Amino acid sequence: MSTPSPKEPLGRQDLAHLARLARLALSDDELDHFAGQLSAVLDAVAQVGKADTADVAPMTHAVPLTNVTRPDVVTPSLPRDVVLAGAPAAEDDRFRVPQILGDEE
């Protein structure tokens, strides 16, 4: 596969090679169709590459990230006996649930 220069469009053979590498079985019509689409995408990327970014600081995100969680504040909760009163079964001040795993030794 030849390496096209930025001004050289991606050839049909190049696209067929990429399709084989990606294990895609493309018909001749699909190769023609996708070659045009891929060329349009590569042209758009080349246009973006021409932008003057000398005064642009590198960033990891396009917009600043902010934490959307609330502060962790201790608040009063229900008394244990009230909570356990609504449980189907309780034992030793805890919820009683059926055993789902066997003893592991």
N, C-alpha and C. Protein backbone atom coordinates (compact mmCIF):
# COMPACT_ATOMS: atom_id res chain seq x y z
N MET A 1 0.86 -1.17 0.00
CA MET A 1 0.00 0.00 0.00
C MET A 1 0.89 1.22 0.00
N SER A 2 0.68 2.11 -0.92
CA SER A 2 1.47 3.33 -0.97
C SER A 2 0.93 4.32 0.05
N THR A 3 1.81 5.18 0.55
CA THR A 3 1.39 6.19 1.50
C THR A 3 1.05 7.45 0.73
N PRO A 4 -0.23 7.83 0.66
CA PRO A 4 -0.59 9.02 -0.09
C PRO A 4 -0.12 10.28 0.64
N SER A 5 0.27 11.26 -0.14
CA SER A 5 0.64 12.54 0.44
C SER A 5 -0.65 13.27 0.76
N PRO A 6 -0.58 14.36 1.56
CA PRO A 6 -1.81 15.08 1.91
C PRO A 6 -2.58 15.56 0.69
N LYS A 7 -1.91 15.82 -0.43
CA LYS A 7 -2.61 16.32 -1.62
C LYS A 7 -3.05 15.19 -2.53
N GLU A 8 -2.53 13.99 -2.32
CA GLU A 8 -2.87 12.85 -3.16
C GLU A 8 -4.08 12.13 -2.57
N PRO A 9 -5.15 11.95 -3.33
CA PRO A 9 -6.32 11.28 -2.78
C PRO A 9 -6.02 9.81 -2.50
N LEU A 10 -6.77 9.26 -1.61
CA LEU A 10 -6.63 7.85 -1.28
C LEU A 10 -7.13 7.04 -2.47
N GLY A 11 -6.30 6.15 -2.97
CA GLY A 11 -6.67 5.36 -4.14
C GLY A 11 -7.58 4.21 -3.80
N ARG A 12 -8.22 3.69 -4.83
CA ARG A 12 -9.14 2.56 -4.66
C ARG A 12 -8.40 1.34 -4.13
N GLN A 13 -7.17 1.14 -4.61
CA GLN A 13 -6.37 0.00 -4.13
C GLN A 13 -6.04 0.18 -2.64
N ASP A 14 -5.77 1.41 -2.23
CA ASP A 14 -5.49 1.68 -0.82
C ASP A 14 -6.71 1.34 0.03
N LEU A 15 -7.88 1.73 -0.43
CA LEU A 15 -9.11 1.44 0.30
C LEU A 15 -9.37 -0.06 0.35
N ALA A 16 -9.13 -0.75 -0.75
CA ALA A 16 -9.32 -2.21 -0.78
C ALA A 16 -8.36 -2.87 0.22
N HIS A 17 -7.14 -2.36 0.31
CA HIS A 17 -6.17 -2.90 1.25
C HIS A 17 -6.62 -2.66 2.69
N LEU A 18 -7.10 -1.45 2.98
CA LEU A 18 -7.60 -1.15 4.32
C LEU A 18 -8.79 -2.04 4.67
N ALA A 19 -9.66 -2.27 3.71
CA ALA A 19 -10.82 -3.14 3.94
C ALA A 19 -10.36 -4.56 4.26
N ARG A 20 -9.35 -5.05 3.54
CA ARG A 20 -8.83 -6.39 3.84
C ARG A 20 -8.24 -6.44 5.25
N LEU A 21 -7.48 -5.41 5.63
CA LEU A 21 -6.89 -5.37 6.97
C LEU A 21 -7.97 -5.37 8.05
N ALA A 22 -9.09 -4.69 7.77
CA ALA A 22 -10.20 -4.63 8.72
C ALA A 22 -11.12 -5.84 8.59
N ARG A 23 -10.75 -6.75 7.70
CA ARG A 23 -11.53 -7.96 7.44
C ARG A 23 -12.95 -7.63 7.00
N LEU A 24 -13.06 -6.64 6.12
CA LEU A 24 -14.34 -6.25 5.55
C LEU A 24 -14.40 -6.75 4.11
N ALA A 25 -15.45 -7.42 3.76
CA ALA A 25 -15.65 -7.87 2.39
C ALA A 25 -16.50 -6.82 1.68
N LEU A 26 -15.87 -6.01 0.83
CA LEU A 26 -16.58 -4.95 0.13
C LEU A 26 -16.68 -5.26 -1.35
N SER A 27 -17.84 -5.01 -1.92
CA SER A 27 -18.02 -5.19 -3.36
C SER A 27 -17.37 -4.02 -4.09
N ASP A 28 -17.25 -4.12 -5.41
CA ASP A 28 -16.67 -3.03 -6.20
C ASP A 28 -17.48 -1.74 -6.04
N ASP A 29 -18.81 -1.87 -6.02
CA ASP A 29 -19.66 -0.69 -5.85
C ASP A 29 -19.43 -0.05 -4.47
N GLU A 30 -19.30 -0.89 -3.44
CA GLU A 30 -19.05 -0.36 -2.11
C GLU A 30 -17.69 0.32 -2.02
N LEU A 31 -16.69 -0.27 -2.67
CA LEU A 31 -15.36 0.37 -2.68
C LEU A 31 -15.43 1.75 -3.32
N ASP A 32 -16.13 1.85 -4.43
CA ASP A 32 -16.27 3.16 -5.10
C ASP A 32 -17.00 4.15 -4.21
N HIS A 33 -18.07 3.69 -3.58
CA HIS A 33 -18.89 4.55 -2.72
C HIS A 33 -18.09 5.02 -1.51
N PHE A 34 -17.45 4.09 -0.83
CA PHE A 34 -16.70 4.43 0.39
C PHE A 34 -15.43 5.20 0.10
N ALA A 35 -14.84 4.99 -1.06
CA ALA A 35 -13.63 5.75 -1.42
C ALA A 35 -13.95 7.23 -1.48
N GLY A 36 -15.11 7.58 -2.06
CA GLY A 36 -15.51 8.98 -2.11
C GLY A 36 -15.78 9.54 -0.73
N GLN A 37 -16.44 8.77 0.12
CA GLN A 37 -16.73 9.22 1.48
C GLN A 37 -15.46 9.39 2.30
N LEU A 38 -14.54 8.43 2.19
CA LEU A 38 -13.31 8.50 2.96
C LEU A 38 -12.46 9.68 2.49
N SER A 39 -12.45 9.93 1.21
CA SER A 39 -11.70 11.08 0.69
C SER A 39 -12.28 12.38 1.25
N ALA A 40 -13.60 12.48 1.34
CA ALA A 40 -14.23 13.69 1.89
C ALA A 40 -13.84 13.87 3.36
N VAL A 41 -13.80 12.77 4.12
CA VAL A 41 -13.41 12.85 5.53
C VAL A 41 -11.96 13.28 5.64
N LEU A 42 -11.09 12.68 4.85
CA LEU A 42 -9.67 13.03 4.90
C LEU A 42 -9.43 14.47 4.47
N ASP A 43 -10.20 14.97 3.51
CA ASP A 43 -10.09 16.38 3.10
C ASP A 43 -10.51 17.29 4.25
N ALA A 44 -11.57 16.93 4.97
CA ALA A 44 -12.02 17.74 6.11
C ALA A 44 -10.97 17.75 7.21
N VAL A 45 -10.36 16.61 7.48
CA VAL A 45 -9.30 16.55 8.49
C VAL A 45 -8.11 17.38 8.06
N ALA A 46 -7.79 17.37 6.78
CA ALA A 46 -6.67 18.17 6.28
C ALA A 46 -6.97 19.66 6.45
N GLN A 47 -8.22 20.07 6.27
CA GLN A 47 -8.58 21.47 6.47
C GLN A 47 -8.40 21.87 7.93
N VAL A 48 -8.79 21.01 8.84
CA VAL A 48 -8.61 21.28 10.26
C VAL A 48 -7.13 21.38 10.59
N GLY A 49 -6.32 20.54 9.95
CA GLY A 49 -4.88 20.55 10.18
C GLY A 49 -4.22 21.83 9.74
N LYS A 50 -4.86 22.60 8.89
CA LYS A 50 -4.29 23.86 8.41
C LYS A 50 -4.53 25.02 9.37
N ALA A 51 -5.35 24.81 10.38
CA ALA A 51 -5.68 25.89 11.32
C ALA A 51 -4.42 26.31 12.08
N ASP A 52 -4.30 27.62 12.31
CA ASP A 52 -3.17 28.16 13.07
C ASP A 52 -3.43 27.92 14.55
N THR A 53 -2.66 27.03 15.13
CA THR A 53 -2.86 26.69 16.54
C THR A 53 -1.68 27.10 17.40
N ALA A 54 -0.85 27.99 16.89
CA ALA A 54 0.35 28.40 17.63
C ALA A 54 0.00 29.03 18.97
N ASP A 55 -1.10 29.78 19.04
CA ASP A 55 -1.47 30.46 20.28
C ASP A 55 -2.54 29.71 21.08
N VAL A 56 -2.78 28.45 20.74
CA VAL A 56 -3.81 27.67 21.43
C VAL A 56 -3.11 26.71 22.38
N ALA A 57 -3.48 26.80 23.65
CA ALA A 57 -2.88 25.91 24.66
C ALA A 57 -3.44 24.50 24.50
N PRO A 58 -2.59 23.49 24.69
CA PRO A 58 -3.09 22.11 24.62
C PRO A 58 -4.12 21.86 25.72
N MET A 59 -5.11 21.04 25.41
CA MET A 59 -6.14 20.73 26.41
C MET A 59 -6.59 19.30 26.24
N THR A 60 -7.17 18.77 27.29
CA THR A 60 -7.69 17.40 27.23
C THR A 60 -9.18 17.37 26.90
N HIS A 61 -9.88 18.49 27.12
CA HIS A 61 -11.32 18.56 26.85
C HIS A 61 -11.63 19.90 26.19
N ALA A 62 -12.65 19.89 25.37
CA ALA A 62 -13.02 21.12 24.66
C ALA A 62 -13.67 22.15 25.59
N VAL A 63 -14.30 21.68 26.64
CA VAL A 63 -14.92 22.58 27.62
C VAL A 63 -14.38 22.21 29.00
N PRO A 64 -14.31 23.19 29.90
CA PRO A 64 -13.82 22.87 31.25
C PRO A 64 -14.74 21.87 31.96
N LEU A 65 -14.14 20.97 32.70
CA LEU A 65 -14.93 19.99 33.44
C LEU A 65 -15.18 20.51 34.85
N THR A 66 -16.39 20.28 35.33
CA THR A 66 -16.71 20.65 36.71
C THR A 66 -17.34 19.46 37.38
N ASN A 67 -17.11 19.34 38.67
CA ASN A 67 -17.68 18.25 39.44
C ASN A 67 -19.15 18.58 39.73
N VAL A 68 -20.04 17.66 39.40
CA VAL A 68 -21.47 17.93 39.56
C VAL A 68 -22.06 17.22 40.78
N THR A 69 -21.20 16.69 41.62
CA THR A 69 -21.71 16.03 42.81
C THR A 69 -21.84 17.03 43.96
N ARG A 70 -22.72 16.73 44.87
CA ARG A 70 -22.90 17.62 46.01
C ARG A 70 -21.85 17.29 47.07
N PRO A 71 -21.60 18.19 47.98
CA PRO A 71 -20.64 17.89 49.06
C PRO A 71 -21.15 16.74 49.92
N ASP A 72 -20.23 15.97 50.45
CA ASP A 72 -20.57 14.85 51.33
C ASP A 72 -20.77 15.38 52.74
N VAL A 73 -22.03 15.48 53.14
CA VAL A 73 -22.37 16.03 54.44
C VAL A 73 -23.13 14.97 55.24
N VAL A 74 -22.73 14.77 56.47
CA VAL A 74 -23.42 13.82 57.33
C VAL A 74 -24.76 14.42 57.75
N THR A 75 -25.83 13.66 57.56
CA THR A 75 -27.16 14.09 57.97
C THR A 75 -27.80 12.99 58.80
N PRO A 76 -28.74 13.33 59.63
CA PRO A 76 -29.40 12.31 60.46
C PRO A 76 -30.16 11.32 59.57
N SER A 77 -30.17 10.07 59.98
CA SER A 77 -30.91 9.06 59.24
C SER A 77 -31.95 8.43 60.15
N LEU A 78 -32.72 7.51 59.61
CA LEU A 78 -33.75 6.86 60.40
C LEU A 78 -33.11 5.99 61.48
N PRO A 79 -33.79 5.84 62.60
CA PRO A 79 -33.28 4.92 63.62
C PRO A 79 -33.30 3.48 63.10
N ARG A 80 -32.36 2.69 63.58
CA ARG A 80 -32.22 1.32 63.09
C ARG A 80 -33.50 0.51 63.31
N ASP A 81 -34.15 0.64 64.44
CA ASP A 81 -35.35 -0.15 64.70
C ASP A 81 -36.49 0.20 63.74
N VAL A 82 -36.58 1.46 63.31
CA VAL A 82 -37.61 1.87 62.35
C VAL A 82 -37.32 1.24 60.99
N VAL A 83 -36.07 1.25 60.58
CA VAL A 83 -35.69 0.67 59.29
C VAL A 83 -35.94 -0.83 59.30
N LEU A 84 -35.48 -1.50 60.34
CA LEU A 84 -35.63 -2.95 60.41
C LEU A 84 -37.08 -3.39 60.58
N ALA A 85 -37.95 -2.50 61.08
CA ALA A 85 -39.36 -2.84 61.23
C ALA A 85 -40.01 -3.06 59.87
N GLY A 86 -39.49 -2.43 58.81
CA GLY A 86 -40.06 -2.60 57.48
C GLY A 86 -39.43 -3.73 56.69
N ALA A 87 -38.45 -4.41 57.26
CA ALA A 87 -37.77 -5.49 56.56
C ALA A 87 -38.56 -6.79 56.69
N PRO A 88 -38.52 -7.65 55.68
CA PRO A 88 -39.20 -8.94 55.77
C PRO A 88 -38.65 -9.80 56.91
N ALA A 89 -37.33 -9.69 57.16
CA ALA A 89 -36.73 -10.47 58.24
C ALA A 89 -35.51 -9.71 58.76
N ALA A 90 -35.32 -9.76 60.07
CA ALA A 90 -34.16 -9.11 60.69
C ALA A 90 -33.58 -10.03 61.74
N GLU A 91 -32.27 -9.89 61.97
CA GLU A 91 -31.60 -10.72 62.97
C GLU A 91 -30.37 -9.97 63.47
N ASP A 92 -30.18 -9.87 64.77
CA ASP A 92 -29.02 -9.19 65.37
C ASP A 92 -28.87 -7.76 64.85
N ASP A 93 -29.97 -7.02 64.79
CA ASP A 93 -29.98 -5.62 64.32
C ASP A 93 -29.47 -5.46 62.88
N ARG A 94 -29.70 -6.49 62.07
CA ARG A 94 -29.33 -6.44 60.64
C ARG A 94 -30.43 -7.06 59.81
N PHE A 95 -30.43 -6.75 58.50
CA PHE A 95 -31.35 -7.40 57.58
C PHE A 95 -30.95 -8.88 57.48
N ARG A 96 -31.95 -9.75 57.50
CA ARG A 96 -31.67 -11.18 57.29
C ARG A 96 -32.04 -11.48 55.84
N VAL A 97 -31.08 -12.06 55.12
CA VAL A 97 -31.30 -12.40 53.71
C VAL A 97 -30.93 -13.86 53.51
N PRO A 98 -31.49 -14.49 52.48
CA PRO A 98 -31.14 -15.90 52.24
C PRO A 98 -29.68 -16.01 51.81
N GLN A 99 -29.03 -17.09 52.19
CA GLN A 99 -27.64 -17.33 51.77
C GLN A 99 -27.65 -17.70 50.29
N ILE A 100 -26.79 -17.07 49.52
CA ILE A 100 -26.73 -17.35 48.09
C ILE A 100 -25.44 -18.04 47.68
N LEU A 101 -24.44 -17.98 48.53
CA LEU A 101 -23.17 -18.63 48.24
C LEU A 101 -22.90 -19.69 49.28
N GLY A 102 -22.27 -20.77 48.87
CA GLY A 102 -21.90 -21.81 49.82
C GLY A 102 -20.64 -21.43 50.58
N ASP A 103 -20.34 -22.21 51.59
CA ASP A 103 -19.10 -21.97 52.34
C ASP A 103 -17.91 -22.24 51.44
N GLU A 104 -17.02 -21.28 51.37
CA GLU A 104 -15.83 -21.43 50.54
C GLU A 104 -14.66 -21.77 51.43
N GLU A 105 -14.01 -22.87 51.17
CA GLU A 105 -12.86 -23.26 51.98
C GLU A 105 -11.71 -23.63 51.10
